């Protein structure tokens, strides 16, 4: 297992290097370029030269890339063009909000998808199966921004049940219990918006995989030996049916991150997604490059985790 993990890590390093080169070149190829953002038209030649040296723009592009790469490995992503603050500090302020939203929404989507998929497979062609299938089609077809706006209007504007923006109620102070409750209420709508879009599709994959697994010979053998239905379901059916789902979840990781960006924009969630949108509109290239690179690294890392999970779920894979 150790050699299997090491091999996957070594394969991910060249991919991350190529990704960093592509992101760096893409940012510098955008119309206008960094100089159009940080330079005032009335700035003197001496001032321009000082700013170019300050941000390293006086160096050739390969030198700029190497400096950025070496510094980024230590967590130094440069300084924001917008407010001249360290990019690492800006990201550190926003990252916890995104991580909280992502973990809760991802866990909710995955657990719900597995549960609904298994129930739908075990009750194939029943009323429950048809109902869950209809709900899944609704979730797959619904864009994130429309679902978020509908939830805001229904639960926030019409019913006044849930807050529609931010992570906490501003201007009010609560005790510990009510502070936790207030943040939980603020998280409900963004979490539902982000998780529904993926639990629908994942549940269909889980349903199809479970239907295929329960028809296998080893399931009939276990049933003939008197293994209980619960043991067959948890020890054999779900474990084997989840292997194809791991592939789908790993592939969809980038889509989940993109959905988080849209969701944060809708609900004014102060995380990495909103930071990306603000950096994109203001052309804050250092922040934009850092967020893109971190997102790409997260996608590669998640696929690496999926590869490891393959080996855990199916020992045949890690020995191949």
Protein backbone atom coordinates (compact mmCIF):
# COMPACT_ATOMS: atom_id res chain seq x y z
CA UNK A 1 0.00 0.00 0.00
CA UNK A 2 2.87 2.37 0.76
CA UNK A 3 4.42 1.83 -2.67
CA UNK A 4 1.03 2.35 -4.27
CA UNK A 5 0.56 5.72 -2.52
CA UNK A 6 4.15 6.79 -3.29
CA UNK A 7 3.66 5.98 -6.97
CA UNK A 8 0.48 8.08 -7.12
CA UNK A 9 2.18 11.02 -5.36
CA UNK A 10 5.12 10.93 -7.77
CA UNK A 11 2.70 10.93 -10.69
CA UNK A 12 0.91 13.99 -9.28
CA UNK A 13 4.06 16.16 -9.01
CA UNK A 14 4.65 16.66 -12.79
CA UNK A 15 0.94 17.37 -13.22
CA UNK A 16 1.05 20.11 -10.58
CA UNK A 17 4.14 21.60 -12.23
CA UNK A 18 2.45 21.72 -15.64
CA UNK A 19 -0.64 23.16 -14.00
CA UNK A 20 1.37 25.96 -12.39
CA UNK A 21 3.03 26.83 -15.71
CA UNK A 22 -0.32 26.91 -17.49
CA UNK A 23 -1.96 29.08 -14.81
CA UNK A 24 0.96 31.51 -14.72
CA UNK A 25 1.02 31.93 -18.51
CA UNK A 26 -2.76 32.27 -18.63
CA UNK A 27 -2.79 35.08 -16.08
CA UNK A 28 -0.05 36.99 -17.90
CA UNK A 29 -1.80 36.49 -21.25
CA UNK A 30 -5.01 38.18 -20.09
CA UNK A 31 -5.82 41.49 -21.85
CA UNK A 32 -4.26 44.52 -20.20
CA UNK A 33 -1.67 42.66 -18.17
CA UNK A 34 -0.53 43.45 -14.64
CA UNK A 35 0.97 46.80 -15.61
CA UNK A 36 -2.39 48.16 -16.72
CA UNK A 37 -3.79 47.39 -13.28
CA UNK A 38 -1.11 48.75 -10.96
CA UNK A 39 0.16 51.70 -12.99
CA UNK A 40 -1.49 55.09 -12.78
CA UNK A 41 -1.46 56.82 -16.20
CA UNK A 42 0.00 59.94 -14.56
CA UNK A 43 2.80 58.01 -12.88
CA UNK A 44 6.32 59.15 -13.70
CA UNK A 45 8.88 56.92 -15.38
CA UNK A 46 10.78 56.61 -12.12
CA UNK A 47 7.61 55.60 -10.33
CA UNK A 48 6.85 53.00 -12.99
CA UNK A 49 10.34 51.57 -12.70
CA UNK A 50 10.01 51.37 -8.92
CA UNK A 51 6.69 49.57 -9.15
CA UNK A 52 8.00 47.17 -11.78
CA UNK A 53 10.89 46.30 -9.48
CA UNK A 54 8.54 46.11 -6.48
CA UNK A 55 6.35 43.44 -8.12
CA UNK A 56 9.15 41.76 -10.09
CA UNK A 57 7.76 42.83 -13.48
CA UNK A 58 11.16 44.02 -14.65
CA UNK A 59 12.39 40.42 -14.90
CA UNK A 60 11.92 38.07 -17.90
CA UNK A 61 8.78 35.92 -17.74
CA UNK A 62 10.65 32.64 -16.98
CA UNK A 63 12.45 34.35 -14.10
CA UNK A 64 9.15 35.73 -12.81
CA UNK A 65 7.66 32.24 -12.90
CA UNK A 66 10.57 30.62 -11.07
CA UNK A 67 10.50 33.30 -8.38
CA UNK A 68 6.75 32.93 -7.98
CA UNK A 69 6.98 29.12 -7.87
CA UNK A 70 9.73 29.04 -5.25
CA UNK A 71 7.99 31.65 -3.12
CA UNK A 72 4.59 29.97 -3.43
CA UNK A 73 6.05 26.71 -2.12
CA UNK A 74 6.71 28.57 1.13
CA UNK A 75 3.24 30.14 1.18
CA UNK A 76 4.36 33.50 -0.24
CA UNK A 77 2.06 34.33 -3.17
CA UNK A 78 3.11 37.95 -3.43
CA UNK A 79 1.10 41.08 -2.73
CA UNK A 80 -2.35 42.09 -3.86
CA UNK A 81 -2.47 44.80 -6.54
CA UNK A 82 -5.67 46.11 -5.01
CA UNK A 83 -4.68 46.78 -1.38
CA UNK A 84 -0.97 45.81 -1.27
CA UNK A 85 -1.62 43.15 1.37
CA UNK A 86 0.04 39.71 1.36
CA UNK A 87 -1.99 37.31 -0.75
CA UNK A 88 -1.38 34.51 1.74
CA UNK A 89 -2.97 36.55 4.51
CA UNK A 90 -6.00 37.37 2.38
CA UNK A 91 -6.50 33.71 1.51
CA UNK A 92 -6.02 32.66 5.14
CA UNK A 93 -8.90 34.95 6.12
CA UNK A 94 -11.26 33.54 3.48
CA UNK A 95 -10.29 29.88 3.42
CA UNK A 96 -12.00 28.74 6.68
CA UNK A 97 -15.42 29.91 5.46
CA UNK A 98 -15.05 28.03 2.17
CA UNK A 99 -13.68 24.92 3.89
CA UNK A 100 -16.62 24.83 6.31
CA UNK A 101 -19.20 25.23 3.55
CA UNK A 102 -17.47 22.70 1.31
CA UNK A 103 -17.06 19.99 3.97
CA UNK A 104 -20.65 20.25 5.19
CA UNK A 105 -22.15 20.36 1.68
CA UNK A 106 -19.89 17.60 0.38
CA UNK A 107 -20.62 15.30 3.32
CA UNK A 108 -24.35 15.95 3.07
CA UNK A 109 -24.36 15.30 -0.69
CA UNK A 110 -22.30 12.11 -0.43
CA UNK A 111 -24.15 10.54 2.51
CA UNK A 112 -27.56 11.42 1.07
CA UNK A 113 -26.59 10.19 -2.40
CA UNK A 114 -25.43 6.82 -1.05
CA UNK A 115 -28.55 6.43 1.08
CA UNK A 116 -31.00 7.41 -1.66
CA UNK A 117 -29.11 5.37 -4.25
CA UNK A 118 -29.17 2.21 -2.15
CA UNK A 119 -32.82 2.65 -1.16
CA UNK A 120 -33.82 3.26 -4.77
CA UNK A 121 -31.89 0.17 -5.92
CA UNK A 122 -33.36 -2.11 -3.25
CA UNK A 123 -36.87 -0.81 -4.04
CA UNK A 124 -36.41 -0.92 -7.80
CA UNK A 125 -39.52 -0.01 -9.86
CA UNK A 126 -41.47 0.89 -6.72
CA UNK A 127 -43.16 4.17 -5.79
CA UNK A 128 -40.11 5.08 -3.70
CA UNK A 129 -37.81 4.45 -6.65
CA UNK A 130 -39.92 6.56 -9.01
CA UNK A 131 -40.17 9.38 -6.46
CA UNK A 132 -36.43 9.48 -5.83
CA UNK A 133 -35.78 9.31 -9.58
CA UNK A 134 -38.04 12.31 -10.20
CA UNK A 135 -36.34 14.30 -7.44
CA UNK A 136 -32.93 13.35 -8.86
CA UNK A 137 -33.87 14.57 -12.33
CA UNK A 138 -35.06 17.84 -10.78
CA UNK A 139 -31.75 18.26 -8.95
CA UNK A 140 -29.65 17.47 -12.02
CA UNK A 141 -31.58 19.92 -14.22
CA UNK A 142 -31.62 22.81 -11.73
CA UNK A 143 -28.77 25.37 -12.12
CA UNK A 144 -27.11 26.46 -8.89
CA UNK A 145 -27.88 30.17 -9.26
CA UNK A 146 -31.59 29.53 -9.90
CA UNK A 147 -31.90 27.10 -7.00
CA UNK A 148 -30.12 29.53 -4.68
CA UNK A 149 -32.39 32.42 -5.67
CA UNK A 150 -35.49 30.25 -5.27
CA UNK A 151 -34.42 29.15 -1.79
CA UNK A 152 -33.66 32.75 -0.83
CA UNK A 153 -37.06 33.93 -2.02
CA UNK A 154 -38.99 31.05 -0.44
CA UNK A 155 -37.34 30.66 2.96
CA UNK A 156 -35.92 34.16 3.38
CA UNK A 157 -38.29 36.63 1.72
CA UNK A 158 -41.64 34.84 1.74
CA UNK A 159 -41.48 32.73 4.89
CA UNK A 160 -38.87 34.72 6.89
CA UNK A 161 -37.46 31.47 8.26
CA UNK A 162 -33.79 31.60 7.32
CA UNK A 163 -31.15 34.31 6.66
CA UNK A 164 -30.22 34.79 3.02
CA UNK A 165 -26.65 36.12 3.15
CA UNK A 166 -23.44 36.11 5.15
CA UNK A 167 -22.23 33.76 7.85
CA UNK A 168 -23.63 35.53 10.91
CA UNK A 169 -26.05 38.26 11.97
CA UNK A 170 -24.17 41.55 12.04
CA UNK A 171 -24.66 44.10 14.79
CA UNK A 172 -25.96 41.62 17.37
CA UNK A 173 -24.11 39.72 20.09
CA UNK A 174 -25.22 36.29 21.33
CA UNK A 175 -24.14 33.81 23.93
CA UNK A 176 -22.29 30.70 22.80
CA UNK A 177 -25.40 28.60 22.11
CA UNK A 178 -27.18 31.28 20.09
CA UNK A 179 -23.97 32.13 18.21
CA UNK A 180 -23.67 28.51 17.06
CA UNK A 181 -27.37 28.45 16.19
CA UNK A 182 -27.09 31.71 14.24
CA UNK A 183 -24.19 30.41 12.16
CA UNK A 184 -25.97 27.12 11.60
CA UNK A 185 -29.04 28.93 10.27
CA UNK A 186 -26.87 31.01 7.93
CA UNK A 187 -25.31 27.81 6.57
CA UNK A 188 -28.53 25.96 5.72
CA UNK A 189 -29.42 27.62 2.41
CA UNK A 190 -25.88 27.72 0.93
CA UNK A 191 -25.33 24.10 1.96
CA UNK A 192 -28.59 22.95 0.36
CA UNK A 193 -27.86 24.89 -2.81
CA UNK A 194 -24.43 23.36 -3.21
CA UNK A 195 -25.25 19.81 -2.12
CA UNK A 196 -28.54 19.24 -3.99
CA UNK A 197 -26.89 19.69 -7.38
CA UNK A 198 -24.49 16.81 -6.76
CA UNK A 199 -26.42 14.44 -4.52
CA UNK A 200 -28.94 14.04 -7.35
CA UNK A 201 -26.43 12.82 -9.93
CA UNK A 202 -24.37 10.79 -7.44
CA UNK A 203 -27.49 8.97 -6.22
CA UNK A 204 -28.21 7.76 -9.76
CA UNK A 205 -24.71 6.33 -10.10
CA UNK A 206 -25.05 4.66 -6.72
CA UNK A 207 -28.42 3.18 -7.69
CA UNK A 208 -27.10 1.72 -10.94
CA UNK A 209 -23.97 0.36 -9.26
CA UNK A 210 -25.93 -1.21 -6.40
CA UNK A 211 -28.36 -2.91 -8.79
CA UNK A 212 -25.41 -4.45 -10.60
CA UNK A 213 -23.64 -5.54 -7.42
CA UNK A 214 -26.62 -7.28 -5.80
CA UNK A 215 -26.90 -9.55 -8.86
CA UNK A 216 -23.32 -10.83 -8.57
CA UNK A 217 -22.55 -14.46 -7.75
CA UNK A 218 -20.79 -13.66 -4.47
CA UNK A 219 -23.97 -11.99 -3.20
CA UNK A 220 -25.97 -15.14 -3.98
CA UNK A 221 -23.28 -17.23 -2.26
CA UNK A 222 -23.39 -15.05 0.86
CA UNK A 223 -27.17 -15.29 0.91
CA UNK A 224 -26.99 -19.07 0.55
CA UNK A 225 -24.57 -19.28 3.48
CA UNK A 226 -27.09 -17.50 5.68
CA UNK A 227 -25.40 -14.10 5.91
CA UNK A 228 -27.87 -11.55 7.23
CA UNK A 229 -29.30 -8.91 4.89
CA UNK A 230 -27.72 -6.09 6.89
CA UNK A 231 -24.25 -7.69 6.74
CA UNK A 232 -24.60 -8.33 3.02
CA UNK A 233 -25.65 -4.75 2.46
CA UNK A 234 -22.92 -3.03 4.48
CA UNK A 235 -19.98 -5.44 4.08
CA UNK A 236 -20.44 -6.43 0.46
CA UNK A 237 -22.99 -4.43 -1.53
CA UNK A 238 -22.26 -0.85 -0.50
CA UNK A 239 -18.49 -1.29 -0.35
CA UNK A 240 -18.31 -2.65 -3.89
CA UNK A 241 -21.01 -0.38 -5.29
CA UNK A 242 -19.20 2.68 -3.95
CA UNK A 243 -16.08 2.09 -6.08
CA UNK A 244 -17.59 3.55 -9.30
CA UNK A 245 -19.06 6.39 -7.24
CA UNK A 246 -15.57 7.33 -6.03
CA UNK A 247 -14.57 7.90 -9.67
CA UNK A 248 -17.58 10.12 -10.31
CA UNK A 249 -17.05 12.13 -7.12
CA UNK A 250 -13.36 12.66 -7.94
CA UNK A 251 -14.21 13.85 -11.45
CA UNK A 252 -16.92 16.16 -10.10
CA UNK A 253 -14.62 17.76 -7.52
CA UNK A 254 -13.84 20.65 -9.86
CA UNK A 255 -17.54 21.14 -10.50
CA UNK A 256 -18.18 21.21 -6.76
CA UNK A 257 -15.55 23.93 -6.39
CA UNK A 258 -17.13 25.89 -9.25
CA UNK A 259 -20.54 25.45 -7.64
CA UNK A 260 -19.11 26.75 -4.38
CA UNK A 261 -17.95 29.89 -6.19
CA UNK A 262 -21.45 30.52 -7.57
CA UNK A 263 -23.07 29.69 -4.24
CA UNK A 264 -20.80 32.05 -2.34
CA UNK A 265 -21.60 34.82 -4.79
CA UNK A 266 -25.35 34.31 -4.37
CA UNK A 267 -25.32 34.17 -0.58
CA UNK A 268 -22.50 36.71 -0.01
CA UNK A 269 -20.51 33.97 1.70
CA UNK A 270 -17.09 35.47 2.56
CA UNK A 271 -14.98 32.62 1.22
CA UNK A 272 -12.58 31.77 -1.57
CA UNK A 273 -15.30 31.77 -4.21
CA UNK A 274 -16.31 35.33 -3.52
CA UNK A 275 -12.63 36.30 -3.33
CA UNK A 276 -12.11 34.78 -6.78
CA UNK A 277 -15.04 36.73 -8.23
CA UNK A 278 -13.84 39.99 -6.68
CA UNK A 279 -10.27 39.39 -7.91
CA UNK A 280 -11.55 38.60 -11.39
CA UNK A 281 -13.58 41.80 -11.67
CA UNK A 282 -10.78 43.96 -10.24
CA UNK A 283 -8.02 42.11 -12.17
CA UNK A 284 -6.07 41.46 -8.98
CA UNK A 285 -3.74 39.00 -10.70
CA UNK A 286 -1.67 37.75 -7.72
CA UNK A 287 -4.82 36.84 -5.78
CA UNK A 288 -6.43 35.40 -8.90
CA UNK A 289 -3.38 33.26 -9.66
CA UNK A 290 -3.15 31.99 -6.09
CA UNK A 291 -6.83 31.02 -5.92
CA UNK A 292 -6.67 29.25 -9.29
CA UNK A 293 -3.53 27.37 -8.34
CA UNK A 294 -4.91 26.32 -4.96
CA UNK A 295 -8.13 25.15 -6.60
CA UNK A 296 -6.21 23.16 -9.19
CA UNK A 297 -4.02 21.63 -6.49
CA UNK A 298 -7.12 20.67 -4.53
CA UNK A 299 -8.54 18.89 -7.60
CA UNK A 300 -5.29 16.95 -8.12
CA UNK A 301 -5.10 16.14 -4.40
CA UNK A 302 -8.68 14.93 -4.32
CA UNK A 303 -8.08 12.66 -7.30
CA UNK A 304 -5.01 11.34 -5.47
CA UNK A 305 -7.18 10.60 -2.44
CA UNK A 306 -9.64 8.84 -4.75
CA UNK A 307 -6.82 6.67 -6.10
CA UNK A 308 -5.88 5.70 -2.55
CA UNK A 309 -9.50 4.95 -1.73
CA UNK A 310 -9.63 2.62 -4.73
CA UNK A 311 -6.84 0.62 -3.16
CA UNK A 312 -8.60 0.60 0.21
CA UNK A 313 -11.97 -0.47 -1.20
CA UNK A 314 -10.57 -2.99 -3.69
CA UNK A 315 -7.16 -4.54 -2.79
CA UNK A 316 -6.79 -5.85 -6.35
CA UNK A 317 -6.16 -2.30 -7.58
CA UNK A 318 -3.15 -1.53 -5.41
CA UNK A 319 -1.45 -4.77 -6.42
CA UNK A 320 -1.97 -4.23 -10.14
